[in-house]
Amino acid sequence: MGRHTLEWCPQKPVTIPGSQLCSWNTRRELYQQVGNFVGSVSSPLLANIYLHELDRYMESTYLNLSQYEKHKRRLQGKSNYLYVRYADDWVAICNGTKEQAYAMKEELRRVLQHMGLTLSAEKTKVTHITEGFTFLGYRITRGMGTRKMGPKVAIPESAIKKFRYKIRGMLSPSTCNESVHAKIMAMNQFIRGWCNYYRCTNTPSRIFNALNNEVYWNMVHWLGTKYKRSTPVIMQRYLEGSTFKTQHTKLMMPFEYKAKKLLVTTWHNPYTEKEAIIRERILAYDQIWNGKEAQTGWVDLREEVIIAKGTTCYICGTTLHASEVEIDHITPRKRFKDSTEADRMKHLQPVCTSCHRAKTKTDRKVQSRMP
């Protein structure tokens, strides 16, 4: 089976035809909720086009059989099959013998070869359902339920290890110079996506509670290293209930996400039905924003300026929403020999987007005429 991921684009403005001009900070907050996929449109589209014939073959040969026909096949010693596909990842489930499963693998290989495609030998295997298999990031097995054997969907150990690795990387001591606000936003994006994706598994709360300790203590140590304070001082300053909170942001903890049961419906091929296609997001660990800023510590500094000087533009006097405020250096930053001195409160002012762009344009003209 292949691997299909969705990539998140970098944080930068996206022009929307007919839209109103908005500040970079507003676009950043919208990006956290909406996002923008880059490079992942053509791959599933081509996969659906190429593998449409495989869907039709499985439907016409095995999937559209009536209960009587399936029962008749079982009496003849033949097996029945189920088939599930997402883009270029697919699974065929057989209720027959091992030899029949290998025969189906060879049959599908010939069908794909006739279509001009090759079945990947490294990513394809035949396994028993009790041993389980991983499909789209889920570990699917069969186990004993309350009364009888049934399918179970679990979180793979590899996904749990990747979660721990990602959290430790985001909260490593080398990132302590970054803003707390930006760090919490980045962690919320990762934790929200990971927990929402795996909350449909069997008993996810057990895993979420275990990972909650990982997030909690890594955050305590990161804040303590950043501000060089003891654990009790950090907890007194940032701890609220069972999570950490600043004036404007709150860290989402894994234990806040509860299990979600999915309704079991009749199988159908979404690419041949007239219903709207609902696509799932595949979590890509290496493409998640890690909270790094173009200018280190700027997000925290921006909040301090808003708290100290308000949300009114110092140039035109317009009252702004907090997300629309942009921070401007009264004297251009490049004029300072010491960047620390340039970022002091007395040299900063809140402005609107239009005034900020006009002032930046003027400052650049003046600077270009200087020797």
Protein backbone atom coordinates (compact mmCIF):
# COMPACT_ATOMS: atom_id res chain seq x y z
CA MET A 1 0.00 0.00 0.00
CA GLY A 2 1.23 3.46 -0.81
CA ARG A 3 1.23 6.51 1.39
CA HIS A 4 -0.81 9.63 0.77
CA THR A 5 -0.40 12.82 2.76
CA LEU A 6 -1.72 16.36 2.72
CA GLU A 7 0.84 19.10 3.03
CA TRP A 8 0.32 22.39 4.80
CA CYS A 9 1.61 25.45 3.04
CA PRO A 10 3.84 28.03 4.77
CA GLN A 11 2.18 30.98 6.47
CA LYS A 12 1.86 33.62 3.79
CA PRO A 13 -1.01 35.65 2.34
CA VAL A 14 -3.31 34.05 -0.21
CA THR A 15 -5.12 36.37 -2.61
CA ILE A 16 -8.84 35.65 -2.91
CA PRO A 17 -10.67 37.30 -5.85
CA GLY A 18 -13.16 39.92 -4.63
CA SER A 19 -11.95 39.80 -1.03
CA GLN A 20 -11.38 42.79 1.22
CA LEU A 21 -7.88 43.81 2.25
CA CYS A 22 -7.05 42.39 5.68
CA SER A 23 -3.97 42.43 7.86
CA TRP A 24 -1.38 39.68 8.01
CA ASN A 25 -2.39 38.84 11.57
CA THR A 26 -6.01 38.30 10.51
CA ARG A 27 -4.89 36.01 7.71
CA ARG A 28 -2.69 34.14 10.17
CA GLU A 29 -5.62 33.49 12.52
CA LEU A 30 -7.80 32.38 9.59
CA TYR A 31 -4.99 30.08 8.47
CA GLN A 32 -5.00 28.35 11.84
CA GLN A 33 -8.68 27.45 11.35
CA VAL A 34 -8.85 26.86 7.58
CA GLY A 35 -5.39 26.14 6.18
CA ASN A 36 -4.38 25.76 2.57
CA PHE A 37 -3.38 22.50 0.88
CA VAL A 38 -0.47 22.60 -1.53
CA GLY A 39 0.73 19.86 -3.83
CA SER A 40 -1.94 17.33 -2.85
CA VAL A 41 -4.63 17.99 -5.45
CA SER A 42 -3.20 16.23 -8.50
CA SER A 43 -2.09 13.07 -6.67
CA PRO A 44 -5.53 11.85 -5.45
CA LEU A 45 -7.14 13.09 -8.67
CA LEU A 46 -4.83 10.99 -10.83
CA ALA A 47 -5.22 8.04 -8.45
CA ASN A 48 -9.02 8.20 -8.75
CA ILE A 49 -8.81 8.41 -12.54
CA TYR A 50 -6.37 5.52 -12.88
CA LEU A 51 -8.01 3.25 -10.30
CA HIS A 52 -11.60 3.88 -11.36
CA GLU A 53 -11.43 0.78 -13.56
CA LEU A 54 -10.26 -1.27 -10.57
CA ASP A 55 -13.31 -0.04 -8.61
CA ARG A 56 -15.63 -1.06 -11.44
CA TYR A 57 -13.97 -4.47 -11.72
CA MET A 58 -14.39 -5.22 -8.02
CA GLU A 59 -17.99 -3.96 -7.98
CA SER A 60 -19.08 -5.96 -11.00
CA THR A 61 -17.26 -9.15 -9.98
CA TYR A 62 -17.53 -9.40 -6.19
CA LEU A 63 -19.20 -6.45 -4.45
CA ASN A 64 -22.64 -6.27 -6.05
CA LEU A 65 -23.54 -9.89 -5.32
CA SER A 66 -26.77 -10.61 -3.47
CA GLN A 67 -26.86 -12.46 -0.16
CA TYR A 68 -28.05 -15.58 -1.96
CA GLU A 69 -25.17 -15.44 -4.43
CA LYS A 70 -22.66 -14.92 -1.62
CA HIS A 71 -24.13 -17.85 0.30
CA LYS A 72 -23.97 -19.99 -2.82
CA ARG A 73 -20.29 -19.12 -3.31
CA ARG A 74 -19.55 -20.19 0.25
CA LEU A 75 -21.28 -23.54 -0.28
CA GLN A 76 -19.09 -24.05 -3.35
CA GLY A 77 -15.96 -23.41 -1.27
CA LYS A 78 -15.35 -19.98 -2.78
CA SER A 79 -14.68 -16.83 -0.78
CA ASN A 80 -16.33 -13.43 -0.79
CA TYR A 81 -14.48 -10.14 -0.77
CA LEU A 82 -14.75 -6.60 0.50
CA TYR A 83 -12.80 -3.77 -1.06
CA VAL A 84 -11.98 -0.31 0.32
CA ARG A 85 -9.91 2.35 -1.41
CA TYR A 86 -8.73 5.86 -0.53
CA ALA A 87 -6.74 7.49 -3.36
CA ASP A 88 -3.91 5.01 -4.09
CA ASP A 89 -4.29 3.07 -0.81
CA TRP A 90 -6.66 0.10 -0.89
CA VAL A 91 -7.48 -3.05 1.02
CA ALA A 92 -9.20 -6.24 -0.15
CA ILE A 93 -10.67 -8.41 2.63
CA CYS A 94 -11.25 -12.11 2.03
CA ASN A 95 -13.25 -14.55 4.19
CA GLY A 96 -11.68 -17.62 2.64
CA THR A 97 -8.42 -19.52 2.92
CA LYS A 98 -4.87 -18.25 2.66
CA GLU A 99 -4.54 -19.72 -0.81
CA GLN A 100 -7.65 -17.86 -1.96
CA ALA A 101 -6.25 -14.61 -0.57
CA TYR A 102 -3.02 -15.07 -2.53
CA ALA A 103 -5.09 -15.94 -5.61
CA MET A 104 -6.96 -12.64 -5.25
CA LYS A 105 -3.65 -10.80 -4.93
CA GLU A 106 -2.46 -12.35 -8.18
CA GLU A 107 -5.79 -11.55 -9.85
CA LEU A 108 -5.58 -7.90 -8.83
CA ARG A 109 -1.98 -7.77 -10.01
CA ARG A 110 -3.07 -8.92 -13.47
CA VAL A 111 -5.92 -6.36 -13.52
CA LEU A 112 -3.53 -3.55 -12.63
CA GLN A 113 -0.98 -4.80 -15.15
CA HIS A 114 -3.67 -4.68 -17.84
CA MET A 115 -4.29 -1.05 -16.81
CA GLY A 116 -0.59 -0.25 -17.15
CA LEU A 117 0.07 -0.18 -13.40
CA THR A 118 2.36 -2.25 -11.19
CA LEU A 119 1.49 -3.60 -7.76
CA SER A 120 4.19 -2.63 -5.25
CA ALA A 121 5.62 -5.82 -3.77
CA GLU A 122 7.21 -3.98 -0.83
CA LYS A 123 4.01 -2.23 0.25
CA THR A 124 1.62 -5.13 -0.37
CA LYS A 125 1.19 -8.10 1.94
CA VAL A 126 -1.31 -10.79 2.85
CA THR A 127 -2.09 -11.05 6.56
CA HIS A 128 -4.70 -12.56 8.86
CA ILE A 129 -7.23 -10.20 10.41
CA THR A 130 -6.27 -11.30 13.93
CA GLU A 131 -2.73 -10.11 13.24
CA GLY A 132 -4.14 -6.88 11.87
CA PHE A 133 -2.96 -4.35 9.31
CA THR A 134 -2.38 -0.60 9.15
CA PHE A 135 -4.54 1.39 6.75
CA LEU A 136 -4.57 5.21 6.52
CA GLY A 137 -2.83 5.49 9.86
CA TYR A 138 -5.22 3.16 11.75
CA ARG A 139 -4.40 -0.27 13.14
CA ILE A 140 -7.29 -2.60 12.20
CA THR A 141 -7.57 -5.99 13.89
CA ARG A 142 -10.21 -8.45 15.07
CA GLY A 143 -10.64 -9.08 18.78
CA MET A 144 -13.06 -10.19 21.43
CA GLY A 145 -15.71 -7.64 22.32
CA THR A 146 -18.29 -7.76 25.08
CA ARG A 147 -20.06 -10.81 23.62
CA LYS A 148 -18.44 -11.84 20.35
CA MET A 149 -15.50 -11.32 18.04
CA GLY A 150 -15.55 -8.11 16.09
CA PRO A 151 -13.35 -5.56 14.30
CA LYS A 152 -11.29 -3.15 16.35
CA VAL A 153 -9.68 0.08 15.19
CA ALA A 154 -6.71 1.18 17.27
CA ILE A 155 -3.98 3.81 17.25
CA PRO A 156 -0.73 2.27 15.94
CA GLU A 157 2.32 2.31 18.18
CA SER A 158 4.22 4.08 15.40
CA ALA A 159 1.72 6.98 15.48
CA ILE A 160 2.09 7.28 19.27
CA LYS A 161 5.90 7.34 18.96
CA LYS A 162 5.67 10.03 16.27
CA PHE A 163 3.41 12.11 18.52
CA ARG A 164 5.91 11.91 21.39
CA TYR A 165 8.81 12.70 19.05
CA LYS A 166 6.99 15.71 17.58
CA ILE A 167 6.08 17.14 21.00
CA ARG A 168 9.63 16.75 22.28
CA GLY A 169 10.97 18.43 19.15
CA MET A 170 8.57 21.36 19.41
CA LEU A 171 9.41 21.84 23.11
CA SER A 172 13.14 21.19 22.93
CA PRO A 173 15.46 23.56 24.86
CA SER A 174 16.81 24.92 21.57
CA THR A 175 13.42 26.55 20.86
CA CYS A 176 13.15 28.49 24.13
CA ASN A 177 13.83 31.82 22.39
CA GLU A 178 10.53 31.55 20.52
CA SER A 179 7.29 33.21 21.62
CA VAL A 180 4.99 31.45 24.08
CA HIS A 181 1.93 32.55 22.12
CA ALA A 182 3.30 31.19 18.82
CA LYS A 183 4.39 27.97 20.52
CA ILE A 184 0.93 27.34 21.99
CA MET A 185 -0.71 28.06 18.63
CA ALA A 186 1.59 25.56 16.90
CA MET A 187 1.01 22.89 19.54
CA ASN A 188 -2.76 23.41 19.43
CA GLN A 189 -2.72 22.89 15.68
CA PHE A 190 -0.82 19.62 16.04
CA ILE A 191 -2.72 18.26 19.06
CA ARG A 192 -6.12 19.22 17.62
CA GLY A 193 -5.42 17.51 14.30
CA TRP A 194 -3.92 14.36 15.83
CA CYS A 195 -6.62 13.84 18.47
CA ASN A 196 -9.51 14.58 16.11
CA TYR A 197 -8.12 12.06 13.64
CA TYR A 198 -7.77 9.27 16.22
CA ARG A 199 -10.79 9.97 18.42
CA CYS A 200 -12.85 7.57 16.27
CA THR A 201 -10.77 4.57 17.36
CA ASN A 202 -11.61 2.08 20.10
CA THR A 203 -10.97 3.48 23.61
CA PRO A 204 -8.79 6.45 22.53
CA SER A 205 -9.10 8.05 25.99
CA ARG A 206 -6.53 5.63 27.40
CA ILE A 207 -3.94 6.76 24.86
CA PHE A 208 -4.93 10.43 25.15
CA ASN A 209 -4.54 10.38 28.94
CA ALA A 210 -1.08 8.81 28.64
CA LEU A 211 0.02 11.41 26.08
CA ASN A 212 -1.43 14.17 28.24
CA ASN A 213 1.42 13.71 30.73
CA GLU A 214 3.91 13.99 27.87
CA VAL A 215 2.50 17.36 26.78
CA TYR A 216 2.06 18.64 30.34
CA TRP A 217 5.58 18.07 31.67
CA ASN A 218 7.35 18.98 28.44
CA MET A 219 5.51 22.31 28.51
CA VAL A 220 6.47 22.88 32.17
CA HIS A 221 10.14 22.22 31.43
CA TRP A 222 10.06 24.40 28.29
CA LEU A 223 8.57 27.38 30.16
CA GLY A 224 11.00 26.87 33.05
CA THR A 225 13.98 26.83 30.69
CA LYS A 226 12.72 29.85 28.76
CA TYR A 227 12.15 32.09 31.79
CA LYS A 228 14.71 30.40 34.07
CA ARG A 229 12.13 29.86 36.78
CA SER A 230 11.34 26.92 39.03
CA THR A 231 8.42 24.58 38.41
CA PRO A 232 6.20 26.05 41.20
CA VAL A 233 6.68 29.57 39.82
CA ILE A 234 5.82 28.44 36.28
CA MET A 235 2.69 26.64 37.46
CA GLN A 236 1.56 29.62 39.50
CA ARG A 237 1.97 31.93 36.52
CA TYR A 238 0.68 29.82 33.61
CA LEU A 239 -1.27 26.86 35.01
CA GLU A 240 -5.05 27.16 34.90
CA GLY A 241 -6.93 24.01 35.80
CA SER A 242 -5.20 21.17 33.97
CA THR A 243 -3.69 23.22 31.15
CA PHE A 244 -1.53 26.27 30.49
CA LYS A 245 -2.88 29.65 29.48
CA THR A 246 -1.61 33.09 28.57
CA GLN A 247 -3.75 36.17 28.31
CA HIS A 248 -4.97 35.35 24.79
CA THR A 249 -4.19 31.66 24.19
CA LYS A 250 -4.88 28.36 25.89
CA LEU A 251 -3.07 25.08 25.35
CA MET A 252 -5.35 22.26 24.19
CA MET A 253 -4.61 19.06 26.10
CA PRO A 254 -5.20 15.57 24.64
CA PHE A 255 -7.50 14.50 27.49
CA GLU A 256 -10.04 17.14 26.39
CA TYR A 257 -10.91 15.07 23.31
CA LYS A 258 -13.45 12.32 23.90
CA ALA A 259 -14.19 9.22 21.88
CA LYS A 260 -16.45 9.69 18.88
CA LYS A 261 -18.47 6.82 17.45
CA LEU A 262 -19.05 6.63 13.72
CA LEU A 263 -22.39 5.50 12.32
CA VAL A 264 -22.09 2.30 10.32
CA THR A 265 -23.75 2.71 6.91
CA THR A 266 -24.13 0.53 3.85
CA TRP A 267 -20.96 0.33 1.80
CA HIS A 268 -20.91 2.35 -1.39
CA ASN A 269 -18.31 3.76 -3.74
CA PRO A 270 -18.24 7.55 -3.15
CA TYR A 271 -16.78 8.13 -6.62
CA THR A 272 -19.75 6.52 -8.39
CA GLU A 273 -22.49 7.82 -6.09
CA LYS A 274 -24.19 11.19 -6.46
CA GLU A 275 -23.63 12.05 -2.81
CA ALA A 276 -21.11 14.70 -1.81
CA ILE A 277 -17.63 13.33 -1.32
CA ILE A 278 -16.32 13.78 2.23
CA ARG A 279 -12.56 13.49 2.35
CA GLU A 280 -10.50 12.77 5.46
CA ARG A 281 -7.31 14.56 6.32
CA ILE A 282 -4.24 12.40 6.56
CA LEU A 283 -1.91 13.67 9.26
CA ALA A 284 1.56 14.58 7.98
CA TYR A 285 3.95 15.01 10.90
CA ASP A 286 6.72 16.65 8.90
CA GLN A 287 4.50 19.39 7.45
CA ILE A 288 2.97 20.74 10.66
CA TRP A 289 3.86 24.30 11.64
CA ASN A 290 6.27 24.15 14.57
CA GLY A 291 5.78 27.72 15.84
CA LYS A 292 8.97 29.22 14.43
CA GLU A 293 8.68 32.94 13.67
CA ALA A 294 10.33 35.07 11.03
CA GLN A 295 11.53 37.31 13.88
CA THR A 296 12.10 35.40 17.11
CA GLY A 297 9.85 36.47 19.97
CA TRP A 298 7.82 38.90 17.86
CA VAL A 299 4.41 37.36 18.67
CA ASP A 300 4.89 37.88 22.41
CA LEU A 301 6.21 41.39 21.81
CA ARG A 302 3.16 42.22 19.70
CA GLU A 303 0.83 41.21 22.51
CA GLU A 304 2.78 43.35 24.99
CA VAL A 305 2.43 46.38 22.72
CA ILE A 306 -1.33 45.82 22.36
CA ILE A 307 -1.74 45.51 26.14
CA ALA A 308 0.34 48.63 26.81
CA LYS A 309 -0.80 50.93 23.97
CA GLY A 310 -4.21 49.56 22.95
CA THR A 311 -5.65 48.76 19.54
CA THR A 312 -5.99 52.27 18.12
CA CYS A 313 -3.87 53.20 15.10
CA TYR A 314 -1.33 55.84 16.21
CA ILE A 315 -1.25 57.37 12.71
CA CYS A 316 -4.89 57.67 11.57
CA GLY A 317 -6.67 57.08 14.89
CA THR A 318 -8.81 54.17 13.66
CA THR A 319 -10.02 51.73 16.35
CA LEU A 320 -9.04 48.21 15.33
CA HIS A 321 -9.76 44.65 16.40
CA ALA A 322 -6.84 42.94 18.13
CA SER A 323 -6.30 40.64 15.13
CA GLU A 324 -6.05 43.65 12.77
CA VAL A 325 -3.31 45.45 14.69
CA GLU A 326 0.15 45.60 13.17
CA ILE A 327 3.20 46.71 15.11
CA ASP A 328 5.41 49.36 13.54
CA HIS A 329 8.84 50.66 14.50
CA ILE A 330 8.57 54.45 14.85
CA THR A 331 12.17 54.68 13.68
CA PRO A 332 13.02 52.02 11.05
CA ARG A 333 14.58 48.96 12.65
CA LYS A 334 17.59 49.04 10.33
CA ARG A 335 18.58 52.43 11.72
CA PHE A 336 19.40 50.86 15.09
CA LYS A 337 22.78 49.31 15.72
CA ASP A 338 21.33 47.18 18.51
CA SER A 339 18.23 45.19 17.57
CA THR A 340 17.33 44.82 21.26
CA GLU A 341 17.08 48.58 21.59
CA ALA A 342 14.89 48.75 18.46
CA ASP A 343 12.34 46.38 20.00
CA ARG A 344 11.85 48.39 23.20
CA MET A 345 8.32 49.56 23.94
CA LYS A 346 9.10 53.27 23.38
CA HIS A 347 10.09 52.59 19.77
CA LEU A 348 6.95 50.60 18.85
CA GLN A 349 3.42 51.67 18.00
CA PRO A 350 0.19 49.92 16.90
CA VAL A 351 -0.99 50.86 13.41
CA CYS A 352 -3.50 49.66 10.81
CA THR A 353 -2.50 47.81 7.66
CA SER A 354 -2.88 50.77 5.28
CA CYS A 355 -0.83 53.14 7.44
CA HIS A 356 1.82 50.50 8.04
CA ARG A 357 2.29 49.88 4.32
CA ALA A 358 2.37 53.60 3.51
CA LYS A 359 4.91 54.33 6.27
CA THR A 360 7.08 51.37 5.25
CA LYS A 361 7.09 52.61 1.64
CA THR A 362 8.10 56.09 2.75
CA ASP A 363 10.82 54.78 5.07
CA ARG A 364 12.31 52.71 2.25
CA LYS A 365 12.43 55.74 -0.06
CA VAL A 366 14.18 57.80 2.59
CA GLN A 367 16.63 54.99 3.32
CA SER A 368 17.43 54.52 -0.39
CA ARG A 369 18.52 58.19 -0.63
CA MET A 370 20.83 57.89 2.39
CA PRO A 371 24.54 57.31 1.66
